[in-house]
Amino acid sequence: MTALSFLWGETLMRMRRPGGVVVAAAAVAVLGGCGSDDSAPSFDVEDAVRKADKAPYSAQVEIQTFIGQPWSTMTGRVNYNAPKAGTLRIRHLVGKSPVDYQEVVTSDADYMLYQPGSKGSGGRWRKVPPGVSDFGSQDVDSYTHTLLGMGPSVRKGVEQQGGEPAYRLSGTLTLERVRPADQFLHLQMSVTKKKWIDCDVWINKAGRVVRAEQRTPDGLRRVTVLKDFGAPVKVSVPKDVDETG
């Protein structure tokens, strides 16, 4: 399990404990003002998704987690429509001691390296099981198909995202609906007895997800932004890997 997976899970567990509940108002306030942009030209989102290029591509990705305030940030370039692969930099704000590390994701395994001065092994890359990071578990396209299958009520119209029109889908997903889109979040919801999340996805005219958000009943909020789409990137296994951890 990566540090990110552990901290995400520990966060959800802490939010169950007395004194650990986080009020969701802060997350709701951040979302205030989101709504359909009447000036943006509309388009058929289902048609766009159906016609989207199925060839592999890469995107610059940023994943932020909030618990009323910023908790972690993950940035990097990763591949989609292909086996999971990418290079990432992660920062967790754990009390007064931020944890910084790099992560390399391949189809066979993940590798992470703590930065000097952070908690952790430091100095050498560590090999960990594949698909256990927040990046590795989330399938934004599956979220899209799940929401589209829920009918007209989830279709909120076109908004501006990253300087381009994007169609917003918004709905409440039960535990079982989360399973195919995000196995790690599904596991954590099961452990913490959460039965639903609110989810929003924004899709551009090319049928690609440019933004996704998930929000739990107790105020945890995760925001994923994808941009600068391009050719798939080649990812190599780091040198000097410690496979004992």
C-alpha atoms as a PDB file:
ATOM      1  CA  MET A   1       0.000   0.000   0.000  1.00  0.00           C
ATOM      2  CA  THR A   2       1.359   3.432  -0.898  1.00  0.00           C
ATOM      3  CA  ALA A   3       1.540   6.299   1.564  1.00  0.00           C
ATOM      4  CA  LEU A   4      -1.282   7.969  -0.368  1.00  0.00           C
ATOM      5  CA  SER A   5      -3.548   4.943  -0.001  1.00  0.00           C
ATOM      6  CA  PHE A   6      -2.788   4.662   3.710  1.00  0.00           C
ATOM      7  CA  LEU A   7      -3.358   8.353   4.403  1.00  0.00           C
ATOM      8  CA  TRP A   8      -6.621   8.416   2.417  1.00  0.00           C
ATOM      9  CA  GLY A   9      -7.874   5.388   4.335  1.00  0.00           C
ATOM     10  CA  GLU A  10      -6.686   6.729   7.684  1.00  0.00           C
ATOM     11  CA  THR A  11      -8.403  10.031   6.945  1.00  0.00           C
ATOM     12  CA  LEU A  12     -11.727   8.330   6.287  1.00  0.00           C
ATOM     13  CA  MET A  13     -11.358   6.288   9.478  1.00  0.00           C
ATOM     14  CA  ARG A  14     -10.541   9.365  11.565  1.00  0.00           C
ATOM     15  CA  MET A  15     -13.639  11.094  10.264  1.00  0.00           C
ATOM     16  CA  ARG A  16     -15.738   8.353  11.881  1.00  0.00           C
ATOM     17  CA  ARG A  17     -14.267   8.847  15.333  1.00  0.00           C
ATOM     18  CA  PRO A  18     -15.729  11.214  17.959  1.00  0.00           C
ATOM     19  CA  GLY A  19     -14.270  14.661  17.480  1.00  0.00           C
ATOM     20  CA  GLY A  20     -13.063  13.759  13.995  1.00  0.00           C
ATOM     21  CA  VAL A  21     -16.124  14.737  11.967  1.00  0.00           C
ATOM     22  CA  VAL A  22     -15.470  17.479   9.456  1.00  0.00           C
ATOM     23  CA  VAL A  23     -18.301  19.819   8.560  1.00  0.00           C
ATOM     24  CA  ALA A  24     -19.060  19.694   4.841  1.00  0.00           C
ATOM     25  CA  ALA A  25     -19.941  23.396   4.620  1.00  0.00           C
ATOM     26  CA  ALA A  26     -16.418  24.340   3.554  1.00  0.00           C
ATOM     27  CA  ALA A  27     -16.521  21.957   0.628  1.00  0.00           C
ATOM     28  CA  VAL A  28     -19.981  23.145  -0.345  1.00  0.00           C
ATOM     29  CA  ALA A  29     -18.836  26.764  -0.204  1.00  0.00           C
ATOM     30  CA  VAL A  30     -15.993  26.023  -2.584  1.00  0.00           C
ATOM     31  CA  LEU A  31     -18.489  24.568  -5.025  1.00  0.00           C
ATOM     32  CA  GLY A  32     -20.796  27.572  -4.846  1.00  0.00           C
ATOM     33  CA  GLY A  33     -21.397  29.299  -8.139  1.00  0.00           C
ATOM     34  CA  CYS A  34     -21.126  26.137 -10.279  1.00  0.00           C
ATOM     35  CA  GLY A  35     -23.946  26.031 -12.772  1.00  0.00           C
ATOM     36  CA  SER A  36     -24.790  25.839 -16.437  1.00  0.00           C
ATOM     37  CA  ASP A  37     -23.249  28.596 -18.549  1.00  0.00           C
ATOM     38  CA  ASP A  38     -25.968  29.933 -20.828  1.00  0.00           C
ATOM     39  CA  SER A  39     -23.351  31.604 -23.049  1.00  0.00           C
ATOM     40  CA  ALA A  40     -21.502  28.326 -23.740  1.00  0.00           C
ATOM     41  CA  PRO A  41     -22.652  26.387 -26.820  1.00  0.00           C
ATOM     42  CA  SER A  42     -24.295  23.108 -25.846  1.00  0.00           C
ATOM     43  CA  PHE A  43     -23.567  19.712 -27.394  1.00  0.00           C
ATOM     44  CA  ASP A  44     -24.789  16.135 -27.166  1.00  0.00           C
ATOM     45  CA  VAL A  45     -22.622  14.709 -24.392  1.00  0.00           C
ATOM     46  CA  GLU A  46     -23.645  11.098 -25.002  1.00  0.00           C
ATOM     47  CA  ASP A  47     -22.769  11.417 -28.681  1.00  0.00           C
ATOM     48  CA  ALA A  48     -19.418  13.002 -27.790  1.00  0.00           C
ATOM     49  CA  VAL A  49     -18.566  10.144 -25.417  1.00  0.00           C
ATOM     50  CA  ARG A  50     -19.627   7.529 -27.977  1.00  0.00           C
ATOM     51  CA  LYS A  51     -17.449   9.102 -30.704  1.00  0.00           C
ATOM     52  CA  ALA A  52     -14.444   9.778 -28.463  1.00  0.00           C
ATOM     53  CA  ASP A  53     -11.107   8.561 -29.822  1.00  0.00           C
ATOM     54  CA  LYS A  54     -10.343   5.182 -28.259  1.00  0.00           C
ATOM     55  CA  ALA A  55      -6.609   5.398 -29.017  1.00  0.00           C
ATOM     56  CA  PRO A  56      -4.190   5.649 -26.058  1.00  0.00           C
ATOM     57  CA  TYR A  57      -3.303   9.177 -24.940  1.00  0.00           C
ATOM     58  CA  SER A  58      -1.704  10.987 -22.015  1.00  0.00           C
ATOM     59  CA  ALA A  59      -2.832  13.939 -19.915  1.00  0.00           C
ATOM     60  CA  GLN A  60      -1.403  16.281 -17.352  1.00  0.00           C
ATOM     61  CA  VAL A  61      -3.303  15.412 -14.188  1.00  0.00           C
ATOM     62  CA  GLU A  62      -3.817  17.084 -10.828  1.00  0.00           C
ATOM     63  CA  ILE A  63      -5.676  15.328  -8.011  1.00  0.00           C
ATOM     64  CA  GLN A  64      -6.446  17.334  -4.887  1.00  0.00           C
ATOM     65  CA  THR A  65      -8.065  16.039  -1.721  1.00  0.00           C
ATOM     66  CA  PHE A  66      -9.762  18.390   0.741  1.00  0.00           C
ATOM     67  CA  ILE A  67     -11.081  17.844   4.247  1.00  0.00           C
ATOM     68  CA  GLY A  68     -12.468  21.334   4.661  1.00  0.00           C
ATOM     69  CA  GLN A  69      -8.964  22.478   3.704  1.00  0.00           C
ATOM     70  CA  PRO A  70      -6.252  21.082   1.399  1.00  0.00           C
ATOM     71  CA  TRP A  71      -5.062  17.622   2.482  1.00  0.00           C
ATOM     72  CA  SER A  72      -3.040  16.308  -0.460  1.00  0.00           C
ATOM     73  CA  THR A  73      -2.024  17.224  -4.002  1.00  0.00           C
ATOM     74  CA  MET A  74      -0.883  14.842  -6.734  1.00  0.00           C
ATOM     75  CA  THR A  75       0.444  16.134 -10.069  1.00  0.00           C
ATOM     76  CA  GLY A  76       2.026  14.436 -13.050  1.00  0.00           C
ATOM     77  CA  ARG A  77       1.535  13.013 -16.521  1.00  0.00           C
ATOM     78  CA  VAL A  78      -0.273   9.723 -17.009  1.00  0.00           C
ATOM     79  CA  ASN A  79      -1.639   7.500 -19.778  1.00  0.00           C
ATOM     80  CA  TYR A  80      -5.301   6.753 -20.498  1.00  0.00           C
ATOM     81  CA  ASN A  81      -7.028   4.280 -22.840  1.00  0.00           C
ATOM     82  CA  ALA A  82      -4.002   2.128 -22.070  1.00  0.00           C
ATOM     83  CA  PRO A  83      -2.507   0.182 -19.167  1.00  0.00           C
ATOM     84  CA  LYS A  84      -2.079   2.550 -16.235  1.00  0.00           C
ATOM     85  CA  ALA A  85       1.294   4.294 -16.382  1.00  0.00           C
ATOM     86  CA  GLY A  86       2.630   7.665 -15.321  1.00  0.00           C
ATOM     87  CA  THR A  87       4.972   9.737 -13.205  1.00  0.00           C
ATOM     88  CA  LEU A  88       3.648  11.735 -10.266  1.00  0.00           C
ATOM     89  CA  ARG A  89       4.661  14.045  -7.463  1.00  0.00           C
ATOM     90  CA  ILE A  90       2.613  13.949  -4.264  1.00  0.00           C
ATOM     91  CA  ARG A  91       2.444  16.194  -1.218  1.00  0.00           C
ATOM     92  CA  HIS A  92       0.461  15.364   1.915  1.00  0.00           C
ATOM     93  CA  LEU A  93      -0.140  18.033   4.531  1.00  0.00           C
ATOM     94  CA  VAL A  94       0.149  15.899   7.664  1.00  0.00           C
ATOM     95  CA  GLY A  95       0.103  18.253  10.644  1.00  0.00           C
ATOM     96  CA  LYS A  96       3.164  20.494  10.541  1.00  0.00           C
ATOM     97  CA  SER A  97       5.253  17.981   8.598  1.00  0.00           C
ATOM     98  CA  PRO A  98       4.353  17.705   4.887  1.00  0.00           C
ATOM     99  CA  VAL A  99       5.137  14.382   3.255  1.00  0.00           C
ATOM    100  CA  ASP A 100       6.583  14.714  -0.248  1.00  0.00           C
ATOM    101  CA  TYR A 101       7.298  11.810  -2.567  1.00  0.00           C
ATOM    102  CA  GLN A 102       7.448  10.753  -6.190  1.00  0.00           C
ATOM    103  CA  GLU A 103       5.547   7.852  -7.656  1.00  0.00           C
ATOM    104  CA  VAL A 104       6.104   5.923 -10.879  1.00  0.00           C
ATOM    105  CA  VAL A 105       3.130   3.824 -11.969  1.00  0.00           C
ATOM    106  CA  THR A 106       3.587   0.919 -14.389  1.00  0.00           C
ATOM    107  CA  SER A 107       1.289  -1.899 -15.453  1.00  0.00           C
ATOM    108  CA  ASP A 108       3.274  -4.327 -13.266  1.00  0.00           C
ATOM    109  CA  ALA A 109       3.945  -2.326 -10.098  1.00  0.00           C
ATOM    110  CA  ASP A 110       4.122   1.103  -8.516  1.00  0.00           C
ATOM    111  CA  TYR A 111       7.346   2.654  -7.226  1.00  0.00           C
ATOM    112  CA  MET A 112       7.692   5.495  -4.747  1.00  0.00           C
ATOM    113  CA  LEU A 113      10.511   7.647  -3.465  1.00  0.00           C
ATOM    114  CA  TYR A 114      10.246   9.904  -0.416  1.00  0.00           C
ATOM    115  CA  GLN A 115      11.895  13.294  -0.745  1.00  0.00           C
ATOM    116  CA  PRO A 116      14.702  14.368   1.620  1.00  0.00           C
ATOM    117  CA  GLY A 117      13.286  15.750   4.849  1.00  0.00           C
ATOM    118  CA  SER A 118       9.990  13.871   4.565  1.00  0.00           C
ATOM    119  CA  LYS A 119       8.846  10.969   6.673  1.00  0.00           C
ATOM    120  CA  GLY A 120       9.549   7.580   5.094  1.00  0.00           C
ATOM    121  CA  SER A 121      12.415   5.449   3.892  1.00  0.00           C
ATOM    122  CA  GLY A 122      14.132   8.135   1.783  1.00  0.00           C
ATOM    123  CA  GLY A 123      17.017   7.639  -0.591  1.00  0.00           C
ATOM    124  CA  ARG A 124      15.811   4.619  -2.569  1.00  0.00           C
ATOM    125  CA  TRP A 125      12.787   3.744  -4.647  1.00  0.00           C
ATOM    126  CA  ARG A 126      10.423   1.210  -3.072  1.00  0.00           C
ATOM    127  CA  LYS A 127       8.328  -1.256  -5.067  1.00  0.00           C
ATOM    128  CA  VAL A 128       4.695  -1.581  -4.022  1.00  0.00           C
ATOM    129  CA  PRO A 129       1.725  -3.538  -5.488  1.00  0.00           C
ATOM    130  CA  PRO A 130       0.152  -2.062  -8.644  1.00  0.00           C
ATOM    131  CA  GLY A 131      -3.050  -0.065  -8.610  1.00  0.00           C
ATOM    132  CA  VAL A 132      -3.132   0.839  -4.924  1.00  0.00           C
ATOM    133  CA  SER A 133      -2.524   4.568  -5.345  1.00  0.00           C
ATOM    134  CA  ASP A 134      -5.345   7.103  -5.654  1.00  0.00           C
ATOM    135  CA  PHE A 135      -4.358   7.619  -9.280  1.00  0.00           C
ATOM    136  CA  GLY A 136      -4.232   3.920 -10.060  1.00  0.00           C
ATOM    137  CA  SER A 137      -7.677   3.141  -8.665  1.00  0.00           C
ATOM    138  CA  GLN A 138      -9.786   5.840 -10.319  1.00  0.00           C
ATOM    139  CA  ASP A 139     -11.360   5.313 -13.771  1.00  0.00           C
ATOM    140  CA  VAL A 140     -12.821   8.668 -14.805  1.00  0.00           C
ATOM    141  CA  ASP A 141     -14.381   7.211 -17.975  1.00  0.00           C
ATOM    142  CA  SER A 142     -16.231   4.623 -15.899  1.00  0.00           C
ATOM    143  CA  TYR A 143     -17.648   7.425 -13.748  1.00  0.00           C
ATOM    144  CA  THR A 144     -18.886   9.029 -16.981  1.00  0.00           C
ATOM    145  CA  HIS A 145     -20.648   5.893 -18.223  1.00  0.00           C
ATOM    146  CA  THR A 146     -22.166   5.258 -14.797  1.00  0.00           C
ATOM    147  CA  LEU A 147     -23.631   8.759 -14.637  1.00  0.00           C
ATOM    148  CA  LEU A 148     -24.905   8.676 -18.227  1.00  0.00           C
ATOM    149  CA  GLY A 149     -26.729   5.466 -17.389  1.00  0.00           C
ATOM    150  CA  MET A 150     -28.669   7.206 -14.617  1.00  0.00           C
ATOM    151  CA  GLY A 151     -30.912   9.142 -16.997  1.00  0.00           C
ATOM    152  CA  PRO A 152     -31.703  12.786 -17.833  1.00  0.00           C
ATOM    153  CA  SER A 153     -31.641  14.083 -14.240  1.00  0.00           C
ATOM    154  CA  VAL A 154     -27.820  13.967 -14.075  1.00  0.00           C
ATOM    155  CA  ARG A 155     -27.338  16.147 -17.176  1.00  0.00           C
ATOM    156  CA  LYS A 156     -26.689  19.671 -15.936  1.00  0.00           C
ATOM    157  CA  GLY A 157     -25.579  21.419 -19.122  1.00  0.00           C
ATOM    158  CA  VAL A 158     -22.445  23.054 -20.452  1.00  0.00           C
ATOM    159  CA  GLU A 159     -20.006  25.038 -18.293  1.00  0.00           C
ATOM    160  CA  GLN A 160     -16.565  26.505 -18.907  1.00  0.00           C
ATOM    161  CA  GLN A 161     -13.721  24.325 -17.634  1.00  0.00           C
ATOM    162  CA  GLY A 162     -10.094  25.176 -18.369  1.00  0.00           C
ATOM    163  CA  GLY A 163     -11.076  27.667 -21.057  1.00  0.00           C
ATOM    164  CA  GLU A 164     -13.307  25.292 -23.040  1.00  0.00           C
ATOM    165  CA  PRO A 165     -16.958  24.236 -22.879  1.00  0.00           C
ATOM    166  CA  ALA A 166     -17.532  21.012 -20.968  1.00  0.00           C
ATOM    167  CA  TYR A 167     -20.759  19.174 -20.247  1.00  0.00           C
ATOM    168  CA  ARG A 168     -21.383  18.541 -16.542  1.00  0.00           C
ATOM    169  CA  LEU A 169     -22.920  15.317 -15.275  1.00  0.00           C
ATOM    170  CA  SER A 170     -23.869  15.290 -11.597  1.00  0.00           C
ATOM    171  CA  GLY A 171     -25.445  12.603  -9.471  1.00  0.00           C
ATOM    172  CA  THR A 172     -25.400  10.586  -6.274  1.00  0.00           C
ATOM    173  CA  LEU A 173     -23.737   7.182  -6.558  1.00  0.00           C
ATOM    174  CA  THR A 174     -24.474   4.286  -4.258  1.00  0.00           C
ATOM    175  CA  LEU A 175     -21.733   2.017  -2.988  1.00  0.00           C
ATOM    176  CA  GLU A 176     -22.322  -0.519  -5.755  1.00  0.00           C
ATOM    177  CA  ARG A 177     -22.262   2.126  -8.488  1.00  0.00           C
ATOM    178  CA  VAL A 178     -18.848   3.291  -7.251  1.00  0.00           C
ATOM    179  CA  ARG A 179     -17.339  -0.220  -7.492  1.00  0.00           C
ATOM    180  CA  PRO A 180     -16.571  -0.332 -11.264  1.00  0.00           C
ATOM    181  CA  ALA A 181     -15.304   3.262 -11.343  1.00  0.00           C
ATOM    182  CA  ASP A 182     -13.097   3.358  -8.271  1.00  0.00           C
ATOM    183  CA  GLN A 183     -12.219   0.140  -6.481  1.00  0.00           C
ATOM    184  CA  PHE A 184     -10.101   1.833  -3.824  1.00  0.00           C
ATOM    185  CA  LEU A 185     -12.799   4.375  -2.909  1.00  0.00           C
ATOM    186  CA  HIS A 186     -15.341   1.551  -2.925  1.00  0.00           C
ATOM    187  CA  LEU A 187     -13.202  -0.355  -0.419  1.00  0.00           C
ATOM    188  CA  GLN A 188     -12.832   2.670   1.848  1.00  0.00           C
ATOM    189  CA  MET A 189     -16.566   3.390   1.680  1.00  0.00           C
ATOM    190  CA  SER A 190     -17.235  -0.215   2.703  1.00  0.00           C
ATOM    191  CA  VAL A 191     -14.816   0.007   5.630  1.00  0.00           C
ATOM    192  CA  THR A 192     -16.266   3.288   6.883  1.00  0.00           C
ATOM    193  CA  LYS A 193     -19.906   2.279   6.253  1.00  0.00           C
ATOM    194  CA  LYS A 194     -20.593   5.029   3.731  1.00  0.00           C
ATOM    195  CA  LYS A 195     -23.521   4.237   1.458  1.00  0.00           C
ATOM    196  CA  TRP A 196     -23.208   6.989  -1.165  1.00  0.00           C
ATOM    197  CA  ILE A 197     -21.124   9.813  -2.620  1.00  0.00           C
ATOM    198  CA  ASP A 198     -21.927  12.846  -4.754  1.00  0.00           C
ATOM    199  CA  CYS A 199     -20.085  12.810  -8.062  1.00  0.00           C
ATOM    200  CA  ASP A 200     -19.601  15.340 -10.878  1.00  0.00           C
ATOM    201  CA  VAL A 201     -17.832  14.803 -14.192  1.00  0.00           C
ATOM    202  CA  TRP A 202     -17.147  17.378 -16.925  1.00  0.00           C
ATOM    203  CA  ILE A 203     -16.670  16.115 -20.509  1.00  0.00           C
ATOM    204  CA  ASN A 204     -15.358  18.214 -23.404  1.00  0.00           C
ATOM    205  CA  LYS A 205     -16.577  18.114 -27.015  1.00  0.00           C
ATOM    206  CA  ALA A 206     -14.010  15.422 -27.811  1.00  0.00           C
ATOM    207  CA  GLY A 207     -15.668  13.157 -25.255  1.00  0.00           C
ATOM    208  CA  ARG A 208     -12.775  13.313 -22.798  1.00  0.00           C
ATOM    209  CA  VAL A 209     -13.111  13.954 -19.090  1.00  0.00           C
ATOM    210  CA  VAL A 210     -11.467  17.253 -18.117  1.00  0.00           C
ATOM    211  CA  ARG A 211     -12.599  17.357 -14.487  1.00  0.00           C
ATOM    212  CA  ALA A 212     -14.117  14.987 -11.929  1.00  0.00           C
ATOM    213  CA  GLU A 213     -15.171  15.438  -8.301  1.00  0.00           C
ATOM    214  CA  GLN A 214     -16.284  13.070  -5.569  1.00  0.00           C
ATOM    215  CA  ARG A 215     -17.697  14.190  -2.212  1.00  0.00           C
ATOM    216  CA  THR A 216     -18.524  12.040   0.804  1.00  0.00           C
ATOM    217  CA  PRO A 217     -21.335  12.804   3.293  1.00  0.00           C
ATOM    218  CA  ASP A 218     -18.842  13.928   5.968  1.00  0.00           C
ATOM    219  CA  GLY A 219     -17.015  16.515   3.886  1.00  0.00           C
ATOM    220  CA  LEU A 220     -14.163  14.703   2.132  1.00  0.00           C
ATOM    221  CA  ARG A 221     -13.774  16.077  -1.395  1.00  0.00           C
ATOM    222  CA  ARG A 222     -11.509  14.879  -4.213  1.00  0.00           C
ATOM    223  CA  VAL A 223     -10.971  16.949  -7.380  1.00  0.00           C
ATOM    224  CA  THR A 224      -9.274  15.565 -10.499  1.00  0.00           C
ATOM    225  CA  VAL A 225      -8.323  17.866 -13.388  1.00  0.00           C
ATOM    226  CA  LEU A 226      -7.010  16.573 -16.729  1.00  0.00           C
ATOM    227  CA  LYS A 227      -5.521  18.827 -19.409  1.00  0.00           C
ATOM    228  CA  ASP A 228      -2.837  19.124 -22.126  1.00  0.00           C
ATOM    229  CA  PHE A 229      -3.799  15.890 -23.850  1.00  0.00           C
ATOM    230  CA  GLY A 230      -1.103  14.339 -26.006  1.00  0.00           C
ATOM    231  CA  ALA A 231       0.635  11.165 -27.106  1.00  0.00           C
ATOM    232  CA  PRO A 232       1.166   8.393 -24.528  1.00  0.00           C
ATOM    233  CA  VAL A 233       4.305   8.727 -22.432  1.00  0.00           C
ATOM    234  CA  LYS A 234       6.887   6.015 -21.977  1.00  0.00           C
ATOM    235  CA  VAL A 235       7.440   5.108 -18.345  1.00  0.00           C
ATOM    236  CA  SER A 236      10.514   3.221 -17.176  1.00  0.00           C
ATOM    237  CA  VAL A 237      11.136   1.365 -13.942  1.00  0.00           C
ATOM    238  CA  PRO A 238      13.381   3.479 -11.664  1.00  0.00           C
ATOM    239  CA  LYS A 239      16.935   2.393 -10.951  1.00  0.00           C
ATOM    240  CA  ASP A 240      18.110   1.357  -7.481  1.00  0.00           C
ATOM    241  CA  VAL A 241      14.783  -0.139  -6.373  1.00  0.00           C
ATOM    242  CA  ASP A 242      14.406  -1.594  -2.878  1.00  0.00           C
ATOM    243  CA  GLU A 243      11.983  -4.516  -3.265  1.00  0.00           C
ATOM    244  CA  THR A 244      12.044  -5.533   0.395  1.00  0.00           C
ATOM    245  CA  GLY A 245       9.564  -2.889   1.647  1.00  0.00           C
END
